[in-house]
Amino acid sequence: MTINTLFDGIVIFVEVVKQGSFAATAQALGHSNSHISKEINKLEARLGVRLLHRTTRSISTTPEAMPILMNVYNSLMMQSRRLI
């Protein structure tokens, strides 16, 4: 497995956290709810951790998701500084 395939779905994961729902993420990214759900499930399986607590009414991050979110955020911040 290459690094690229390991992190497929990370953009969708970050957007789900930002939007707060699969439906809002699907609309924002132009995908179906099913596609968003499947991508999150595949990402969780590849990483070996549960990233989101899901209920029929809400989504929240798991404690295991926080370091991943922080690493993504820090990486994006470093990239944006290099572009300036």
N, C-alpha and C. Protein backbone atom coordinates (compact mmCIF):
# COMPACT_ATOMS: atom_id res chain seq x y z
N MET A 1 0.85 -1.18 0.00
CA MET A 1 0.00 0.00 0.00
C MET A 1 0.89 1.24 0.00
N THR A 2 0.65 2.13 -0.92
CA THR A 2 1.45 3.36 -0.99
C THR A 2 0.88 4.39 -0.03
N ILE A 3 1.68 5.41 0.23
CA ILE A 3 1.23 6.48 1.12
C ILE A 3 0.00 7.16 0.55
N ASN A 4 -0.09 7.26 -0.78
CA ASN A 4 -1.25 7.90 -1.39
C ASN A 4 -2.53 7.14 -1.09
N THR A 5 -2.51 5.82 -1.20
CA THR A 5 -3.73 5.06 -0.94
C THR A 5 -4.02 4.96 0.55
N LEU A 6 -2.99 5.03 1.37
CA LEU A 6 -3.20 4.97 2.82
C LEU A 6 -4.09 6.12 3.29
N PHE A 7 -3.90 7.28 2.69
CA PHE A 7 -4.62 8.46 3.14
C PHE A 7 -5.74 8.90 2.21
N ASP A 8 -6.12 8.05 1.26
CA ASP A 8 -7.32 8.34 0.48
C ASP A 8 -8.48 8.53 1.45
N GLY A 9 -9.26 9.53 1.23
CA GLY A 9 -10.41 9.77 2.10
C GLY A 9 -10.16 10.79 3.19
N ILE A 10 -8.91 11.21 3.36
CA ILE A 10 -8.61 12.15 4.44
C ILE A 10 -9.31 13.49 4.20
N VAL A 11 -9.39 13.93 2.95
CA VAL A 11 -10.07 15.19 2.64
C VAL A 11 -11.56 15.07 2.99
N ILE A 12 -12.13 13.93 2.67
CA ILE A 12 -13.54 13.71 3.01
C ILE A 12 -13.72 13.69 4.53
N PHE A 13 -12.82 13.02 5.24
CA PHE A 13 -12.89 12.98 6.70
C PHE A 13 -12.84 14.39 7.30
N VAL A 14 -11.90 15.19 6.85
CA VAL A 14 -11.77 16.56 7.36
C VAL A 14 -13.04 17.36 7.05
N GLU A 15 -13.59 17.16 5.87
CA GLU A 15 -14.81 17.88 5.50
C GLU A 15 -16.00 17.43 6.35
N VAL A 16 -16.08 16.14 6.67
CA VAL A 16 -17.17 15.65 7.54
C VAL A 16 -17.07 16.32 8.91
N VAL A 17 -15.85 16.41 9.44
CA VAL A 17 -15.67 17.06 10.74
C VAL A 17 -16.07 18.53 10.63
N LYS A 18 -15.66 19.18 9.57
CA LYS A 18 -15.97 20.60 9.36
C LYS A 18 -17.48 20.83 9.20
N GLN A 19 -18.11 20.01 8.37
CA GLN A 19 -19.54 20.18 8.07
C GLN A 19 -20.45 19.66 9.17
N GLY A 20 -19.99 18.63 9.89
CA GLY A 20 -20.79 18.07 10.97
C GLY A 20 -21.78 17.01 10.57
N SER A 21 -21.80 16.65 9.27
CA SER A 21 -22.71 15.58 8.84
C SER A 21 -22.26 15.03 7.50
N PHE A 22 -22.66 13.79 7.24
CA PHE A 22 -22.38 13.18 5.95
C PHE A 22 -23.17 13.89 4.84
N ALA A 23 -24.42 14.26 5.15
CA ALA A 23 -25.28 14.89 4.14
C ALA A 23 -24.70 16.23 3.69
N ALA A 24 -24.28 17.05 4.64
CA ALA A 24 -23.70 18.35 4.29
C ALA A 24 -22.39 18.17 3.54
N THR A 25 -21.61 17.18 3.93
CA THR A 25 -20.35 16.90 3.23
C THR A 25 -20.62 16.44 1.81
N ALA A 26 -21.59 15.55 1.66
CA ALA A 26 -21.94 15.06 0.32
C ALA A 26 -22.36 16.21 -0.58
N GLN A 27 -23.15 17.10 -0.05
CA GLN A 27 -23.60 18.26 -0.84
C GLN A 27 -22.42 19.17 -1.17
N ALA A 28 -21.56 19.43 -0.21
CA ALA A 28 -20.42 20.33 -0.42
C ALA A 28 -19.44 19.77 -1.44
N LEU A 29 -19.26 18.45 -1.44
CA LEU A 29 -18.27 17.83 -2.33
C LEU A 29 -18.88 17.26 -3.61
N GLY A 30 -20.20 17.30 -3.71
CA GLY A 30 -20.86 16.81 -4.91
C GLY A 30 -20.88 15.29 -5.03
N HIS A 31 -20.99 14.62 -3.90
CA HIS A 31 -21.07 13.15 -3.86
C HIS A 31 -22.36 12.74 -3.16
N SER A 32 -22.65 11.45 -3.18
CA SER A 32 -23.80 10.92 -2.45
C SER A 32 -23.42 10.67 -0.99
N ASN A 33 -24.43 10.60 -0.13
CA ASN A 33 -24.19 10.24 1.27
C ASN A 33 -23.50 8.89 1.36
N SER A 34 -23.92 7.96 0.51
CA SER A 34 -23.35 6.62 0.51
C SER A 34 -21.86 6.65 0.19
N HIS A 35 -21.48 7.46 -0.78
CA HIS A 35 -20.06 7.58 -1.15
C HIS A 35 -19.25 8.10 0.04
N ILE A 36 -19.75 9.12 0.70
CA ILE A 36 -19.05 9.70 1.86
C ILE A 36 -18.89 8.64 2.94
N SER A 37 -19.95 7.92 3.26
CA SER A 37 -19.92 6.89 4.28
C SER A 37 -18.91 5.79 3.93
N LYS A 38 -18.93 5.35 2.69
CA LYS A 38 -18.01 4.29 2.26
C LYS A 38 -16.56 4.74 2.35
N GLU A 39 -16.29 5.98 1.96
CA GLU A 39 -14.91 6.49 2.02
C GLU A 39 -14.42 6.58 3.45
N ILE A 40 -15.28 7.01 4.36
CA ILE A 40 -14.91 7.07 5.78
C ILE A 40 -14.66 5.66 6.31
N ASN A 41 -15.51 4.72 5.97
CA ASN A 41 -15.33 3.33 6.41
C ASN A 41 -14.02 2.76 5.90
N LYS A 42 -13.69 3.02 4.64
CA LYS A 42 -12.44 2.52 4.07
C LYS A 42 -11.23 3.16 4.74
N LEU A 43 -11.31 4.46 5.02
CA LEU A 43 -10.21 5.14 5.70
C LEU A 43 -10.01 4.57 7.10
N GLU A 44 -11.09 4.38 7.82
CA GLU A 44 -11.00 3.80 9.17
C GLU A 44 -10.39 2.40 9.12
N ALA A 45 -10.77 1.61 8.13
CA ALA A 45 -10.23 0.25 8.01
C ALA A 45 -8.73 0.30 7.71
N ARG A 46 -8.31 1.19 6.82
CA ARG A 46 -6.88 1.28 6.49
C ARG A 46 -6.06 1.76 7.68
N LEU A 47 -6.58 2.73 8.42
CA LEU A 47 -5.85 3.26 9.57
C LEU A 47 -5.96 2.37 10.80
N GLY A 48 -6.97 1.51 10.82
CA GLY A 48 -7.16 0.60 11.95
C GLY A 48 -7.74 1.27 13.19
N VAL A 49 -8.39 2.41 13.01
CA VAL A 49 -9.02 3.11 14.13
C VAL A 49 -10.38 3.65 13.72
N ARG A 50 -11.25 3.78 14.69
CA ARG A 50 -12.54 4.42 14.46
C ARG A 50 -12.33 5.92 14.58
N LEU A 51 -12.71 6.68 13.57
CA LEU A 51 -12.49 8.12 13.57
C LEU A 51 -13.71 8.90 14.02
N LEU A 52 -14.90 8.34 13.77
CA LEU A 52 -16.13 9.07 14.06
C LEU A 52 -17.11 8.22 14.84
N HIS A 53 -17.72 8.82 15.87
CA HIS A 53 -18.87 8.23 16.53
C HIS A 53 -20.07 8.65 15.70
N ARG A 54 -20.89 7.69 15.27
CA ARG A 54 -22.05 8.01 14.45
C ARG A 54 -23.32 7.58 15.15
N THR A 55 -24.28 8.47 15.15
CA THR A 55 -25.64 8.11 15.54
C THR A 55 -26.54 8.60 14.41
N THR A 56 -27.81 8.32 14.51
CA THR A 56 -28.72 8.79 13.46
C THR A 56 -28.86 10.31 13.49
N ARG A 57 -28.48 10.93 14.59
CA ARG A 57 -28.65 12.38 14.72
C ARG A 57 -27.38 13.19 14.80
N SER A 58 -26.25 12.53 15.01
CA SER A 58 -25.02 13.32 15.15
C SER A 58 -23.78 12.52 14.79
N ILE A 59 -22.73 13.27 14.56
CA ILE A 59 -21.40 12.71 14.32
C ILE A 59 -20.44 13.47 15.21
N SER A 60 -19.55 12.74 15.87
CA SER A 60 -18.49 13.38 16.66
C SER A 60 -17.20 12.61 16.47
N THR A 61 -16.09 13.28 16.68
CA THR A 61 -14.80 12.63 16.52
C THR A 61 -14.48 11.76 17.73
N THR A 62 -13.74 10.72 17.48
CA THR A 62 -13.25 9.87 18.56
C THR A 62 -11.94 10.46 19.08
N PRO A 63 -11.50 10.05 20.24
CA PRO A 63 -10.19 10.52 20.73
C PRO A 63 -9.06 10.16 19.77
N GLU A 64 -9.19 9.04 19.08
CA GLU A 64 -8.16 8.61 18.13
C GLU A 64 -8.09 9.51 16.90
N ALA A 65 -9.17 10.19 16.60
CA ALA A 65 -9.21 11.07 15.43
C ALA A 65 -8.47 12.38 15.65
N MET A 66 -8.39 12.82 16.88
CA MET A 66 -7.81 14.14 17.14
C MET A 66 -6.36 14.27 16.69
N PRO A 67 -5.48 13.32 16.98
CA PRO A 67 -4.10 13.46 16.48
C PRO A 67 -4.03 13.49 14.95
N ILE A 68 -4.90 12.75 14.30
CA ILE A 68 -4.92 12.74 12.84
C ILE A 68 -5.35 14.12 12.33
N LEU A 69 -6.39 14.67 12.91
CA LEU A 69 -6.84 16.01 12.51
C LEU A 69 -5.75 17.05 12.75
N MET A 70 -5.08 16.97 13.87
CA MET A 70 -4.03 17.94 14.17
C MET A 70 -2.87 17.81 13.19
N ASN A 71 -2.50 16.59 12.83
CA ASN A 71 -1.42 16.40 11.85
C ASN A 71 -1.81 16.95 10.49
N VAL A 72 -3.04 16.72 10.08
CA VAL A 72 -3.52 17.25 8.80
C VAL A 72 -3.49 18.78 8.85
N TYR A 73 -4.02 19.35 9.91
CA TYR A 73 -4.04 20.80 10.06
C TYR A 73 -2.63 21.38 10.03
N ASN A 74 -1.72 20.78 10.79
CA ASN A 74 -0.34 21.27 10.83
C ASN A 74 0.33 21.15 9.46
N SER A 75 0.09 20.07 8.77
CA SER A 75 0.66 19.89 7.43
C SER A 75 0.15 20.95 6.47
N LEU A 76 -1.15 21.21 6.54
CA LEU A 76 -1.73 22.25 5.67
C LEU A 76 -1.16 23.63 6.00
N MET A 77 -0.97 23.91 7.26
CA MET A 77 -0.42 25.20 7.66
C MET A 77 1.02 25.35 7.16
N MET A 78 1.81 24.28 7.26
CA MET A 78 3.19 24.34 6.76
C MET A 78 3.23 24.54 5.26
N GLN A 79 2.33 23.85 4.54
CA GLN A 79 2.27 24.00 3.08
C GLN A 79 1.87 25.42 2.70
N SER A 80 0.91 25.98 3.40
CA SER A 80 0.46 27.33 3.05
C SER A 80 1.56 28.35 3.31
N ARG A 81 2.37 28.15 4.32
CA ARG A 81 3.49 29.06 4.60
C ARG A 81 4.54 28.99 3.50
N ARG A 82 4.73 27.80 2.94
CA ARG A 82 5.71 27.64 1.86
C ARG A 82 5.26 28.34 0.58
N LEU A 83 3.96 28.49 0.42
CA LEU A 83 3.42 29.12 -0.78
C LEU A 83 3.50 30.64 -0.74
N ILE A 84 3.68 31.17 0.46
CA ILE A 84 3.70 32.64 0.62
C ILE A 84 5.08 33.18 0.31
